[in-house]
Amino acid sequence: MITQETVINALKSVKYPGYSRDIVSFGLVKHAAASNGAVSVEIQLTSANAETAQQIQHDSEQVLKALPGVSRVEVAVRMPGAQTAPAPTQSAWASQLRLPGVKRVIAVASGKGGVGKSTCSVNLACALQRLGAKVGLLDCDIYGPTIPLMMGVHQRPTVSADEKLVPPSNYGVKLMSIGFLLDSDTPVIWRGPMIVKTIQQFLHAVEWGELDYLLVDLPPGTGDAQLTLCQNTPLDGGVVVTTPQEASLGVVRKGIKMFEKVNVPILGLVENMSYFITPTGDRVHIFGHGGGKQEAARQNVPFLGEVPIYTAIREGGDKGQPVVCTHPDAPEGQAFFQIAKALKSRFE
C-alpha cells in the first residue's frame, strides 16, 4: 500500500539541479498524498527558473511512477508568487499509464448525439465477448449514461480489499458507469473538473482485471471526457459512429480530426441506421444512402460496416437485452458480428 511516507522517501532520490542535496532535505516538498494508487505532490521552489522547475517535475514524476502499485501521478511545481511551473512540450500526455491487465483500449465516439453510438458500443462489446475475447465496457457519458439500461444492470459496484471498485458484469462483459453510483432520476450537474476526476477514477480505481478489449463509450463532441481519456491512458484506436446523413457526417469529421490531433489511430467508421426494410422487403434509405462508406473513403479510414434499422435493436436496448445476445443468428445480430470481426482483424 502506497503511503505518504513512501512518497516522501521516494522523493529523497530527486536531487535539486546542480546540488548534491535532494528536494526533501531542502524543504521544498509542501504536500504529499497517496490514495488508491493515485499520488499527488506539491513542490514549492524559491527560484523562478523555469528549466529547474521542469527538471524537478520530470524527475519527481519518474521516481513516483516507478513505485509498485502507483497508477496515477500528479506533481505540481510552484515558483515564487504561486506561479505554476510551465509544462514541457507534450506534458499533457506525460501522465498516460497503461491499465494493468488491459491489452487494448478502444474509444467509441461520434460527433453528435442520437446516432446510436451507445447501441453500437454495447453490441460490439457483447459480440467481441461471444467471439472469445475478454471484454470490458466503460461508460464515459457522465451526463447521460445509458449503458446500465442497455446492459440490464442496475446494481452498485462492490469495493475490493485494496479499495478499488469491482465492476458488475452481464453477458460476460465487465461494466462501469456513473449510472451505477447514482439513482436513475438523479441528474449530474457537474463542472469540467468533476468530470475529469470521475473518468480518472473509472480508469485507474476500477479492478478491470485481465481484458483483451476495454471499449469506452464516449459522450458526443470533443470536450473534457475525450481529452481526459486520451491524457490518462494510451488509446489503441478509435471507432467513429455516424448515420448516412450529411448533418451527422459533417460533425463526424471533427471527431476524426480530434483523434488525429491526439495521435489516436482511427480503427474505422461504422454507419448506423443505414436503411429500413419494410414488411414487403423494400429498402428505404431514411437518412440517405452510402454516406458513411463514402466519408470513410474521403478520410482514408477503414469502413467497418453498416447497421440497418431493426426494431429488435431498439427493443433490446430498452430491455437491457443486446440484440447480439438475443438474436445472434438474425440479420440484426449478424450486422454487429461482422463489424466486431472487422474490428478484431485490425489487431491481427
Protein backbone atom coordinates (compact mmCIF):
# COMPACT_ATOMS: atom_id res chain seq x y z
CA MET A 1 0.00 0.00 0.00
CA ILE A 2 1.43 3.39 -1.01
CA THR A 3 1.60 5.81 1.92
CA GLN A 4 2.67 9.43 2.38
CA GLU A 5 5.90 8.18 3.96
CA THR A 6 6.60 6.00 0.89
CA VAL A 7 6.14 9.03 -1.37
CA ILE A 8 8.43 11.26 0.72
CA ASN A 9 11.13 8.61 0.86
CA ALA A 10 10.99 8.18 -2.91
CA LEU A 11 11.37 11.93 -3.44
CA LYS A 12 14.59 11.88 -1.39
CA SER A 13 16.25 10.47 -4.50
CA VAL A 14 15.36 13.58 -6.53
CA LYS A 15 18.34 15.94 -6.45
CA TYR A 16 18.00 19.70 -6.84
CA PRO A 17 19.63 20.51 -10.20
CA GLY A 18 23.28 21.49 -9.63
CA TYR A 19 23.35 20.30 -6.00
CA SER A 20 24.03 17.02 -4.23
CA ARG A 21 21.13 17.56 -1.83
CA ASP A 22 17.62 16.31 -2.54
CA ILE A 23 14.39 18.32 -2.72
CA VAL A 24 13.10 16.86 0.57
CA SER A 25 16.13 17.93 2.59
CA PHE A 26 15.80 21.39 1.05
CA GLY A 27 12.25 21.52 2.44
CA LEU A 28 10.66 22.02 -0.98
CA VAL A 29 8.01 19.27 -0.71
CA LYS A 30 4.98 21.03 0.82
CA HIS A 31 2.34 18.36 0.30
CA ALA A 32 2.32 14.64 -0.46
CA ALA A 33 -0.67 12.29 -0.51
CA ALA A 34 -1.50 8.79 -1.75
CA SER A 35 -4.86 7.07 -2.16
CA ASN A 36 -5.95 4.03 -4.19
CA GLY A 37 -2.75 4.09 -6.21
CA ALA A 38 -3.02 7.80 -7.04
CA VAL A 39 -0.19 10.02 -5.82
CA SER A 40 -0.25 13.82 -5.63
CA VAL A 41 2.66 16.04 -4.67
CA GLU A 42 3.13 19.81 -4.37
CA ILE A 43 6.61 21.28 -4.55
CA GLN A 44 7.34 24.94 -3.79
CA LEU A 45 10.54 26.42 -5.24
CA THR A 46 12.37 29.55 -4.13
CA SER A 47 13.74 30.12 -7.62
CA ALA A 48 11.79 31.31 -10.65
CA ASN A 49 13.98 29.30 -13.05
CA ALA A 50 11.59 27.50 -15.41
CA GLU A 51 14.19 24.92 -16.51
CA THR A 52 14.86 23.96 -12.89
CA ALA A 53 11.13 23.60 -12.22
CA GLN A 54 10.63 21.39 -15.28
CA GLN A 55 13.60 19.19 -14.38
CA ILE A 56 12.37 18.66 -10.82
CA GLN A 57 8.85 17.93 -12.05
CA HIS A 58 10.11 15.39 -14.59
CA ASP A 59 12.45 13.64 -12.13
CA SER A 60 9.76 13.50 -9.42
CA GLU A 61 7.18 12.02 -11.81
CA GLN A 62 9.62 9.33 -12.98
CA VAL A 63 10.55 8.32 -9.43
CA LEU A 64 6.92 8.14 -8.28
CA LYS A 65 5.69 6.24 -11.36
CA ALA A 66 8.31 3.58 -10.63
CA LEU A 67 6.79 2.80 -7.22
CA PRO A 68 4.88 -0.52 -7.10
CA GLY A 69 1.12 -0.04 -7.00
CA VAL A 70 1.11 3.52 -8.33
CA SER A 71 -1.44 4.01 -11.13
CA ARG A 72 -1.54 7.83 -11.41
CA VAL A 73 0.89 10.62 -10.56
CA GLU A 74 0.27 14.37 -10.27
CA VAL A 75 3.23 16.63 -9.46
CA ALA A 76 2.62 20.38 -9.16
CA VAL A 77 5.75 22.51 -9.03
CA ARG A 78 5.20 26.12 -7.96
CA MET A 79 7.59 29.02 -8.27
CA PRO A 80 7.64 32.32 -6.31
CA GLY A 81 4.33 34.17 -6.49
CA ALA A 82 2.35 30.88 -6.63
CA GLN A 83 3.19 30.61 -10.31
CA THR A 84 2.95 27.05 -11.58
CA ALA A 85 5.94 25.78 -13.46
CA PRO A 86 5.42 25.85 -17.23
CA ALA A 87 4.93 22.37 -18.55
CA PRO A 88 7.42 20.92 -21.00
CA THR A 89 6.34 20.07 -24.55
CA GLN A 90 3.65 17.35 -24.67
CA SER A 91 3.47 17.20 -20.85
CA ALA A 92 -0.32 16.83 -21.15
CA TRP A 93 0.35 13.21 -22.14
CA ALA A 94 3.12 12.57 -19.61
CA SER A 95 0.67 11.09 -17.10
CA GLN A 96 -0.54 8.41 -19.50
CA LEU A 97 -0.43 4.99 -17.89
CA ARG A 98 -1.39 1.62 -19.31
CA LEU A 99 -4.21 -0.04 -17.40
CA PRO A 100 -2.81 -3.16 -15.72
CA GLY A 101 -4.03 -6.33 -17.45
CA VAL A 102 -5.85 -4.48 -20.25
CA LYS A 103 -4.37 -5.28 -23.65
CA ARG A 104 -6.27 -2.75 -25.76
CA VAL A 105 -8.35 0.36 -25.03
CA ILE A 106 -10.71 1.41 -27.83
CA ALA A 107 -12.80 4.59 -27.78
CA VAL A 108 -16.20 4.61 -29.49
CA ALA A 109 -17.09 8.18 -30.47
CA SER A 110 -19.46 10.27 -32.52
CA GLY A 111 -19.51 13.91 -33.47
CA LYS A 112 -23.15 14.38 -32.40
CA GLY A 113 -25.75 12.71 -30.25
CA GLY A 114 -28.55 10.46 -31.45
CA VAL A 115 -26.57 8.37 -33.93
CA GLY A 116 -26.70 5.17 -31.88
CA LYS A 117 -23.15 5.24 -30.54
CA SER A 118 -24.04 3.59 -27.21
CA THR A 119 -26.10 0.96 -29.03
CA CYS A 120 -23.05 0.16 -31.14
CA SER A 121 -20.77 0.13 -28.09
CA VAL A 122 -22.97 -2.33 -26.21
CA ASN A 123 -23.46 -4.72 -29.12
CA LEU A 124 -19.81 -4.58 -30.21
CA ALA A 125 -18.70 -5.37 -26.66
CA CYS A 126 -21.05 -8.34 -26.47
CA ALA A 127 -20.11 -9.50 -29.98
CA LEU A 128 -16.38 -9.42 -29.15
CA GLN A 129 -17.09 -11.39 -25.98
CA ARG A 130 -19.00 -14.01 -27.97
CA LEU A 131 -16.07 -14.21 -30.37
CA GLY A 132 -13.93 -15.38 -27.47
CA ALA A 133 -12.43 -12.15 -26.11
CA LYS A 134 -12.37 -10.87 -22.52
CA VAL A 135 -14.18 -7.53 -22.71
CA GLY A 136 -14.94 -4.51 -20.52
CA LEU A 137 -17.20 -1.56 -21.32
CA LEU A 138 -16.67 1.85 -19.72
CA ASP A 139 -19.45 4.44 -19.96
CA CYS A 140 -17.79 7.88 -20.13
CA ASP A 141 -21.03 9.72 -20.87
CA ILE A 142 -21.29 11.24 -17.39
CA TYR A 143 -24.27 13.50 -18.13
CA GLY A 144 -26.33 10.91 -19.99
CA PRO A 145 -25.27 7.36 -19.04
CA THR A 146 -27.25 4.69 -20.90
CA ILE A 147 -25.04 1.61 -20.54
CA PRO A 148 -26.79 0.42 -17.32
CA LEU A 149 -30.15 0.40 -19.13
CA MET A 150 -28.86 -1.19 -22.34
CA MET A 151 -26.91 -3.90 -20.49
CA GLY A 152 -29.66 -4.59 -17.97
CA VAL A 153 -27.51 -3.88 -14.89
CA HIS A 154 -28.54 -1.54 -12.09
CA GLN A 155 -26.55 -2.82 -9.09
CA ARG A 156 -23.92 -0.75 -7.33
CA PRO A 157 -20.28 -1.87 -7.68
CA THR A 158 -18.67 -3.53 -4.68
CA VAL A 159 -15.29 -2.48 -3.26
CA SER A 160 -12.30 -4.82 -3.22
CA ALA A 161 -9.83 -5.36 -0.37
CA ASP A 162 -7.43 -2.83 -1.93
CA GLU A 163 -10.24 -0.25 -2.14
CA LYS A 164 -10.93 -0.49 -5.86
CA LEU A 165 -14.37 -0.64 -7.45
CA VAL A 166 -15.30 -4.12 -8.66
CA PRO A 167 -17.23 -3.68 -11.92
CA PRO A 168 -20.53 -5.55 -12.25
CA SER A 169 -20.95 -7.67 -15.35
CA ASN A 170 -23.61 -9.06 -17.65
CA TYR A 171 -23.41 -11.18 -20.79
CA GLY A 172 -19.77 -11.80 -19.87
CA VAL A 173 -18.83 -8.10 -20.17
CA LYS A 174 -17.43 -6.08 -17.24
CA LEU A 175 -19.13 -2.70 -16.86
CA MET A 176 -18.60 0.67 -15.22
CA SER A 177 -20.81 3.76 -15.39
CA ILE A 178 -21.75 6.74 -13.25
CA GLY A 179 -25.26 5.34 -13.63
CA PHE A 180 -24.31 2.55 -11.19
CA LEU A 181 -23.46 5.08 -8.49
CA LEU A 182 -26.48 7.40 -8.70
CA ASP A 183 -30.24 6.98 -8.56
CA SER A 184 -31.73 6.68 -12.04
CA ASP A 185 -33.53 10.04 -11.84
CA THR A 186 -30.62 11.98 -10.30
CA PRO A 187 -29.12 14.49 -12.76
CA VAL A 188 -25.37 15.03 -12.88
CA ILE A 189 -24.81 18.79 -12.50
CA TRP A 190 -21.04 19.00 -12.54
CA ARG A 191 -18.40 21.29 -13.95
CA GLY A 192 -15.48 20.02 -16.01
CA PRO A 193 -13.04 19.20 -13.14
CA MET A 194 -15.53 16.75 -11.61
CA ILE A 195 -15.94 15.01 -14.97
CA VAL A 196 -12.16 14.74 -15.26
CA LYS A 197 -11.79 13.28 -11.77
CA THR A 198 -14.57 10.73 -12.28
CA ILE A 199 -13.13 9.42 -15.54
CA GLN A 200 -9.67 9.17 -13.98
CA GLN A 201 -11.16 7.06 -11.19
CA PHE A 202 -13.07 4.86 -13.63
CA LEU A 203 -9.80 4.15 -15.43
CA HIS A 204 -7.39 3.67 -12.56
CA ALA A 205 -9.52 2.89 -9.48
CA VAL A 206 -11.55 0.06 -11.03
CA GLU A 207 -10.48 -3.58 -10.81
CA TRP A 208 -10.73 -4.35 -14.53
CA GLY A 209 -8.63 -7.49 -14.30
CA GLU A 210 -7.39 -9.23 -17.45
CA LEU A 211 -9.10 -7.86 -20.59
CA ASP A 212 -8.43 -8.23 -24.29
CA TYR A 213 -10.51 -5.12 -25.03
CA LEU A 214 -11.81 -2.23 -22.96
CA LEU A 215 -14.37 -0.35 -25.04
CA VAL A 216 -15.02 3.22 -23.91
CA ASP A 217 -18.38 4.74 -24.82
CA LEU A 218 -17.68 8.47 -25.15
CA PRO A 219 -20.23 11.28 -25.00
CA PRO A 220 -20.89 13.30 -28.16
CA GLY A 221 -18.46 16.07 -29.03
CA THR A 222 -14.79 16.76 -28.30
CA GLY A 223 -14.72 18.04 -24.73
CA ASP A 224 -13.47 17.17 -21.24
CA ALA A 225 -14.31 13.47 -21.34
CA GLN A 226 -12.47 12.86 -24.60
CA LEU A 227 -9.36 14.80 -23.59
CA THR A 228 -9.25 13.22 -20.13
CA LEU A 229 -9.38 9.74 -21.61
CA CYS A 230 -6.60 10.49 -24.11
CA GLN A 231 -4.38 12.10 -21.46
CA ASN A 232 -4.75 9.34 -18.86
CA THR A 233 -4.18 6.16 -20.82
CA PRO A 234 -2.80 5.36 -24.27
CA LEU A 235 -5.61 4.53 -26.70
CA ASP A 236 -5.10 1.74 -29.21
CA GLY A 237 -7.65 3.26 -31.54
CA GLY A 238 -10.95 4.99 -32.06
CA VAL A 239 -14.16 3.86 -33.73
CA VAL A 240 -16.43 6.59 -35.10
CA VAL A 241 -20.19 6.04 -35.43
CA THR A 242 -22.32 8.04 -37.84
CA THR A 243 -25.57 7.95 -39.79
CA PRO A 244 -25.64 8.39 -43.59
CA GLN A 245 -26.98 11.94 -43.49
CA GLU A 246 -24.74 14.96 -44.05
CA ALA A 247 -25.77 16.57 -40.73
CA SER A 248 -24.10 13.66 -38.94
CA LEU A 249 -21.16 13.28 -41.31
CA GLY A 250 -20.23 16.95 -41.05
CA VAL A 251 -19.72 16.65 -37.29
CA VAL A 252 -18.08 13.24 -37.57
CA ARG A 253 -15.21 14.88 -39.43
CA LYS A 254 -14.49 16.88 -36.29
CA GLY A 255 -14.37 13.67 -34.26
CA ILE A 256 -11.89 12.16 -36.70
CA LYS A 257 -9.75 15.30 -36.54
CA MET A 258 -9.82 15.14 -32.74
CA PHE A 259 -8.38 11.62 -32.75
CA GLU A 260 -5.74 12.69 -35.24
CA LYS A 261 -4.67 15.66 -33.09
CA VAL A 262 -4.14 13.43 -30.05
CA ASN A 263 -2.35 10.76 -32.13
CA VAL A 264 -5.05 8.09 -31.78
CA PRO A 265 -5.35 5.83 -34.84
CA ILE A 266 -8.79 5.57 -36.42
CA LEU A 267 -9.74 1.90 -36.50
CA GLY A 268 -12.75 2.55 -38.67
CA LEU A 269 -16.12 4.14 -39.25
CA VAL A 270 -19.49 2.50 -38.59
CA GLU A 271 -22.65 3.63 -40.36
CA ASN A 272 -25.71 3.14 -38.15
CA MET A 273 -29.37 3.42 -39.27
CA SER A 274 -28.27 2.72 -42.83
CA TYR A 275 -31.68 1.72 -44.14
CA PHE A 276 -35.06 0.27 -43.15
CA ILE A 277 -36.60 -2.89 -44.59
CA THR A 278 -40.36 -2.68 -44.99
CA PRO A 279 -42.66 -5.68 -44.37
CA THR A 280 -42.76 -6.18 -48.14
CA GLY A 281 -38.96 -6.43 -48.31
CA ASP A 282 -38.22 -3.00 -49.80
CA ARG A 283 -35.22 -0.99 -48.60
CA VAL A 284 -35.96 2.57 -47.56
CA HIS A 285 -32.95 4.84 -47.05
CA ILE A 286 -34.47 7.16 -44.47
CA PHE A 287 -31.27 9.09 -43.74
CA GLY A 288 -29.69 8.92 -47.18
CA HIS A 289 -27.61 6.26 -48.84
CA GLY A 290 -23.93 5.34 -48.58
CA GLY A 291 -22.78 8.47 -46.77
CA GLY A 292 -20.71 6.60 -44.18
CA LYS A 293 -18.83 4.47 -46.69
CA GLN A 294 -18.14 7.48 -48.90
CA GLU A 295 -16.91 9.54 -45.95
CA ALA A 296 -14.58 6.71 -44.85
CA ALA A 297 -13.09 6.71 -48.35
CA ARG A 298 -12.70 10.51 -48.28
CA GLN A 299 -10.99 10.40 -44.90
CA ASN A 300 -8.89 7.38 -45.89
CA VAL A 301 -10.07 5.35 -42.89
CA PRO A 302 -11.47 1.78 -42.88
CA PHE A 303 -15.21 1.29 -43.24
CA LEU A 304 -16.16 -1.35 -40.66
CA GLY A 305 -19.74 -1.89 -41.79
CA GLU A 306 -23.33 -0.72 -41.68
CA VAL A 307 -26.20 -1.42 -39.29
CA PRO A 308 -29.75 -1.22 -40.71
CA ILE A 309 -32.72 -0.03 -38.68
CA TYR A 310 -34.29 -3.03 -36.93
CA THR A 311 -37.00 -2.87 -34.30
CA ALA A 312 -35.26 -5.67 -32.39
CA ILE A 313 -32.17 -3.50 -31.89
CA ARG A 314 -34.18 -0.72 -30.27
CA GLU A 315 -36.24 -3.15 -28.17
CA GLY A 316 -33.11 -4.92 -26.99
CA GLY A 317 -31.57 -1.65 -25.84
CA ASP A 318 -34.70 -0.65 -23.94
CA LYS A 319 -34.96 -4.06 -22.23
CA GLY A 320 -31.28 -4.46 -21.39
CA GLN A 321 -31.00 -7.37 -23.82
CA PRO A 322 -28.44 -6.61 -26.57
CA VAL A 323 -29.54 -7.95 -29.92
CA VAL A 324 -26.29 -9.87 -30.47
CA CYS A 325 -27.19 -11.92 -27.38
CA THR A 326 -30.90 -12.43 -28.10
CA HIS A 327 -30.76 -12.70 -31.92
CA PRO A 328 -27.17 -13.70 -32.72
CA ASP A 329 -28.04 -15.51 -35.95
CA ALA A 330 -30.61 -13.00 -37.24
CA PRO A 331 -29.60 -10.23 -39.68
CA GLU A 332 -29.75 -7.61 -36.92
CA GLY A 333 -27.33 -9.57 -34.74
CA GLN A 334 -25.07 -10.53 -37.62
CA ALA A 335 -24.66 -6.86 -38.60
CA PHE A 336 -22.79 -6.24 -35.33
CA PHE A 337 -20.88 -9.52 -35.50
CA GLN A 338 -19.50 -8.54 -38.92
CA ILE A 339 -18.35 -5.17 -37.56
CA ALA A 340 -16.81 -6.84 -34.48
CA LYS A 341 -14.89 -9.26 -36.72
CA ALA A 342 -13.66 -6.37 -38.88
CA LEU A 343 -12.57 -4.50 -35.74
CA LYS A 344 -10.81 -7.57 -34.33
CA SER A 345 -8.97 -8.10 -37.60
CA ARG A 346 -7.35 -4.68 -37.21
CA PHE A 347 -5.21 -6.17 -34.41
CA GLU A 348 -4.33 -9.46 -36.11
